[in-house]
C-alpha atoms as a PDB file:
ATOM      1  CA  MET A   1     -23.525 -13.065 -13.251  1.00  0.00           C
ATOM      2  CA  VAL A   2     -19.872 -13.252 -14.303  1.00  0.00           C
ATOM      3  CA  GLN A   3     -16.976 -15.255 -12.938  1.00  0.00           C
ATOM      4  CA  VAL A   4     -14.324 -13.144 -11.174  1.00  0.00           C
ATOM      5  CA  GLY A   5     -11.378 -14.767  -9.451  1.00  0.00           C
ATOM      6  CA  ASP A   6     -12.553 -17.587  -7.211  1.00  0.00           C
ATOM      7  CA  GLY A   7     -16.165 -16.441  -7.187  1.00  0.00           C
ATOM      8  CA  TYR A   8     -18.906 -14.714  -9.093  1.00  0.00           C
ATOM      9  CA  GLN A   9     -20.128 -11.157  -9.382  1.00  0.00           C
ATOM     10  CA  LEU A  10     -23.607  -9.875 -10.071  1.00  0.00           C
ATOM     11  CA  VAL A  11     -23.547  -7.310 -12.869  1.00  0.00           C
ATOM     12  CA  THR A  12     -26.128  -5.030 -14.443  1.00  0.00           C
ATOM     13  CA  ARG A  13     -27.456  -5.320 -17.966  1.00  0.00           C
ATOM     14  CA  PRO A  14     -25.675  -2.896 -20.344  1.00  0.00           C
ATOM     15  CA  GLU A  15     -28.872  -0.966 -21.145  1.00  0.00           C
ATOM     16  CA  LEU A  16     -29.144   0.006 -17.448  1.00  0.00           C
ATOM     17  CA  HIS A  17     -25.573   1.336 -17.299  1.00  0.00           C
ATOM     18  CA  ALA A  18     -26.557   5.027 -17.222  1.00  0.00           C
ATOM     19  CA  TYR A  19     -28.831   4.549 -14.209  1.00  0.00           C
ATOM     20  CA  VAL A  20     -26.318   2.515 -12.237  1.00  0.00           C
ATOM     21  CA  GLU A  21     -23.548   4.963 -13.097  1.00  0.00           C
ATOM     22  CA  LYS A  22     -25.622   7.852 -11.726  1.00  0.00           C
ATOM     23  CA  LEU A  23     -26.201   5.973  -8.476  1.00  0.00           C
ATOM     24  CA  HIS A  24     -22.517   5.156  -8.267  1.00  0.00           C
ATOM     25  CA  GLN A  25     -21.480   8.805  -8.794  1.00  0.00           C
ATOM     26  CA  ASP A  26     -23.667   9.842  -5.901  1.00  0.00           C
ATOM     27  CA  ARG A  27     -21.411   7.851  -3.569  1.00  0.00           C
ATOM     28  CA  GLY A  28     -18.764  10.561  -4.017  1.00  0.00           C
ATOM     29  CA  ARG A  29     -15.753   8.249  -3.988  1.00  0.00           C
ATOM     30  CA  GLU A  30     -12.955   8.810  -6.471  1.00  0.00           C
ATOM     31  CA  HIS A  31     -12.432   5.691  -8.572  1.00  0.00           C
ATOM     32  CA  THR A  32      -9.642   6.709 -10.907  1.00  0.00           C
ATOM     33  CA  LEU A  33      -6.084   5.651 -10.254  1.00  0.00           C
ATOM     34  CA  SER A  34      -3.068   7.929 -10.602  1.00  0.00           C
ATOM     35  CA  GLN A  35      -0.141   7.078 -12.866  1.00  0.00           C
ATOM     36  CA  ALA A  36       1.896   6.163  -9.763  1.00  0.00           C
ATOM     37  CA  ALA A  37      -0.884   3.862  -8.532  1.00  0.00           C
ATOM     38  CA  LEU A  38      -1.169   2.155 -11.921  1.00  0.00           C
ATOM     39  CA  GLU A  39       2.606   1.667 -12.087  1.00  0.00           C
ATOM     40  CA  THR A  40       2.703   0.178  -8.601  1.00  0.00           C
ATOM     41  CA  LEU A  41      -0.337  -1.988  -9.208  1.00  0.00           C
ATOM     42  CA  SER A  42       1.195  -3.305 -12.433  1.00  0.00           C
ATOM     43  CA  ILE A  43       4.401  -4.255 -10.631  1.00  0.00           C
ATOM     44  CA  VAL A  44       2.456  -6.056  -7.919  1.00  0.00           C
ATOM     45  CA  ALA A  45       0.300  -7.861 -10.492  1.00  0.00           C
ATOM     46  CA  TYR A  46       3.210  -9.134 -12.574  1.00  0.00           C
ATOM     47  CA  TYR A  47       5.788  -9.818  -9.853  1.00  0.00           C
ATOM     48  CA  GLN A  48       3.628 -10.963  -6.933  1.00  0.00           C
ATOM     49  CA  PRO A  49       4.303 -11.762  -4.239  1.00  0.00           C
ATOM     50  CA  VAL A  50       6.605  -8.747  -4.167  1.00  0.00           C
ATOM     51  CA  THR A  51       8.257  -6.630  -1.483  1.00  0.00           C
ATOM     52  CA  LYS A  52       8.109  -2.855  -1.172  1.00  0.00           C
ATOM     53  CA  ALA A  53      11.875  -2.750  -1.789  1.00  0.00           C
ATOM     54  CA  ARG A  54      11.488  -4.496  -5.145  1.00  0.00           C
ATOM     55  CA  ILE A  55       8.600  -2.213  -6.128  1.00  0.00           C
ATOM     56  CA  GLU A  56      10.670   0.844  -5.250  1.00  0.00           C
ATOM     57  CA  GLY A  57      13.684  -0.600  -7.067  1.00  0.00           C
ATOM     58  CA  ILE A  58      11.649  -0.955 -10.250  1.00  0.00           C
ATOM     59  CA  ARG A  59       9.890   2.423  -9.935  1.00  0.00           C
ATOM     60  CA  GLY A  60      12.916   4.288  -8.593  1.00  0.00           C
ATOM     61  CA  VAL A  61      10.854   6.240  -6.034  1.00  0.00           C
ATOM     62  CA  ASN A  62       9.374   5.782  -2.563  1.00  0.00           C
ATOM     63  CA  SER A  63       6.071   3.938  -2.758  1.00  0.00           C
ATOM     64  CA  ASP A  64       4.773   4.171   0.829  1.00  0.00           C
ATOM     65  CA  HIS A  65       1.843   6.458   0.020  1.00  0.00           C
ATOM     66  CA  VAL A  66       0.772   4.562  -3.106  1.00  0.00           C
ATOM     67  CA  LEU A  67       0.946   1.176  -1.388  1.00  0.00           C
ATOM     68  CA  GLY A  68      -1.137   2.542   1.482  1.00  0.00           C
ATOM     69  CA  MET A  69      -3.768   3.864  -0.913  1.00  0.00           C
ATOM     70  CA  LEU A  70      -3.914   0.569  -2.843  1.00  0.00           C
ATOM     71  CA  LEU A  71      -4.255  -1.340   0.436  1.00  0.00           C
ATOM     72  CA  ASP A  72      -7.028   1.040   1.587  1.00  0.00           C
ATOM     73  CA  ARG A  73      -8.929   0.498  -1.656  1.00  0.00           C
ATOM     74  CA  GLY A  74      -8.474  -3.246  -1.319  1.00  0.00           C
ATOM     75  CA  LEU A  75      -6.760  -3.624  -4.704  1.00  0.00           C
ATOM     76  CA  ILE A  76      -3.716  -5.237  -3.093  1.00  0.00           C
ATOM     77  CA  GLN A  77      -3.255  -7.205   0.094  1.00  0.00           C
ATOM     78  CA  GLU A  78      -0.479  -8.428   2.328  1.00  0.00           C
ATOM     79  CA  ALA A  79       0.435 -11.939   1.243  1.00  0.00           C
ATOM     80  CA  GLY A  80       2.798 -12.906   4.026  1.00  0.00           C
ATOM     81  CA  ARG A  81       6.410 -12.127   4.814  1.00  0.00           C
ATOM     82  CA  SER A  82       9.606 -12.740   2.897  1.00  0.00           C
ATOM     83  CA  GLY A  83      12.226 -15.005   4.408  1.00  0.00           C
ATOM     84  CA  GLY A  84      14.899 -12.364   3.768  1.00  0.00           C
ATOM     85  CA  PRO A  85      16.525  -9.975   6.240  1.00  0.00           C
ATOM     86  CA  GLY A  86      13.933  -8.085   8.255  1.00  0.00           C
ATOM     87  CA  ARG A  87      11.173 -10.337   6.887  1.00  0.00           C
ATOM     88  CA  PRO A  88       9.553  -7.626   4.723  1.00  0.00           C
ATOM     89  CA  VAL A  89       5.865  -7.732   3.842  1.00  0.00           C
ATOM     90  CA  LEU A  90       4.952  -9.382   0.556  1.00  0.00           C
ATOM     91  CA  TYR A  91       2.191  -7.771  -1.525  1.00  0.00           C
ATOM     92  CA  ALA A  92      -0.202  -9.431  -3.978  1.00  0.00           C
ATOM     93  CA  THR A  93      -3.317  -8.391  -5.864  1.00  0.00           C
ATOM     94  CA  SER A  94      -6.775  -9.083  -4.421  1.00  0.00           C
ATOM     95  CA  ASN A  95     -10.116 -10.159  -5.841  1.00  0.00           C
ATOM     96  CA  ALA A  96     -11.039  -6.452  -5.860  1.00  0.00           C
ATOM     97  CA  PHE A  97      -8.175  -5.959  -8.348  1.00  0.00           C
ATOM     98  CA  LEU A  98      -9.715  -8.582 -10.620  1.00  0.00           C
ATOM     99  CA  GLU A  99     -13.125  -6.935 -10.302  1.00  0.00           C
ATOM    100  CA  TYR A 100     -11.743  -3.429 -10.939  1.00  0.00           C
ATOM    101  CA  PHE A 101     -10.112  -4.521 -14.192  1.00  0.00           C
ATOM    102  CA  GLY A 102     -12.796  -7.048 -15.200  1.00  0.00           C
ATOM    103  CA  LEU A 103     -10.478 -10.060 -15.101  1.00  0.00           C
ATOM    104  CA  ARG A 104     -11.486 -13.642 -14.311  1.00  0.00           C
ATOM    105  CA  ASP A 105      -8.001 -14.433 -13.020  1.00  0.00           C
ATOM    106  CA  LEU A 106      -4.395 -13.289 -13.339  1.00  0.00           C
ATOM    107  CA  LYS A 107      -3.915 -15.427 -16.454  1.00  0.00           C
ATOM    108  CA  ASP A 108      -6.060 -12.832 -18.266  1.00  0.00           C
ATOM    109  CA  LEU A 109      -3.343 -10.176 -17.835  1.00  0.00           C
ATOM    110  CA  PRO A 110      -1.473  -9.297 -21.053  1.00  0.00           C
ATOM    111  CA  ASP A 111       1.797 -11.183 -21.490  1.00  0.00           C
ATOM    112  CA  LEU A 112       4.571  -9.146 -19.858  1.00  0.00           C
ATOM    113  CA  GLU A 113       7.186 -10.063 -22.470  1.00  0.00           C
ATOM    114  CA  ALA A 114       4.865  -8.972 -25.281  1.00  0.00           C
ATOM    115  CA  LEU A 115       4.348  -5.628 -23.532  1.00  0.00           C
ATOM    116  CA  LYS A 116       8.124  -5.105 -23.352  1.00  0.00           C
ATOM    117  CA  ARG A 117       8.600  -5.538 -27.127  1.00  0.00           C
ATOM    118  CA  PRO A 118       7.990  -2.182 -28.907  1.00  0.00           C
ATOM    119  CA  HIS A 119       6.729  -3.836 -32.099  1.00  0.00           C
ATOM    120  CA  ALA A 120       4.104  -5.750 -30.102  1.00  0.00           C
ATOM    121  CA  ARG A 121       2.365  -2.429 -29.398  1.00  0.00           C
ATOM    122  CA  GLY A 122       2.559  -1.278 -32.988  1.00  0.00           C
ATOM    123  CA  GLY A 123       5.469   1.082 -32.365  1.00  0.00           C
ATOM    124  CA  SER A 124       8.905   1.056 -33.904  1.00  0.00           C
ATOM    125  CA  PRO A 125      12.076   0.142 -32.021  1.00  0.00           C
ATOM    126  CA  PRO A 126      13.832   3.145 -30.404  1.00  0.00           C
END
């Protein structure tokens, strides 16, 4: 049992991984996320609660399809409405997001400022 978000999750012992993985594959559901989905999910995780307009402003492309897919998978959820014009929907990550990435809570995400600095990733400045 491991703590995830506000609750706990039952997990399998590592030595049984191969058996559980085989059972999971038989379900036939695609579990990988596209680059667009990962980008969108990252924006939601770091800027939540966030509107679709802000997500699209950061990404520079329409995000309707990706947001729909992330909502369908339960990785994000509607977190209310903004007080701005038109009262747009606000998006936030869900407990399924924490489970998917093996996080206890959002504090376990890497520091955004450290990710922005090229030397923090071992690269050289452009």
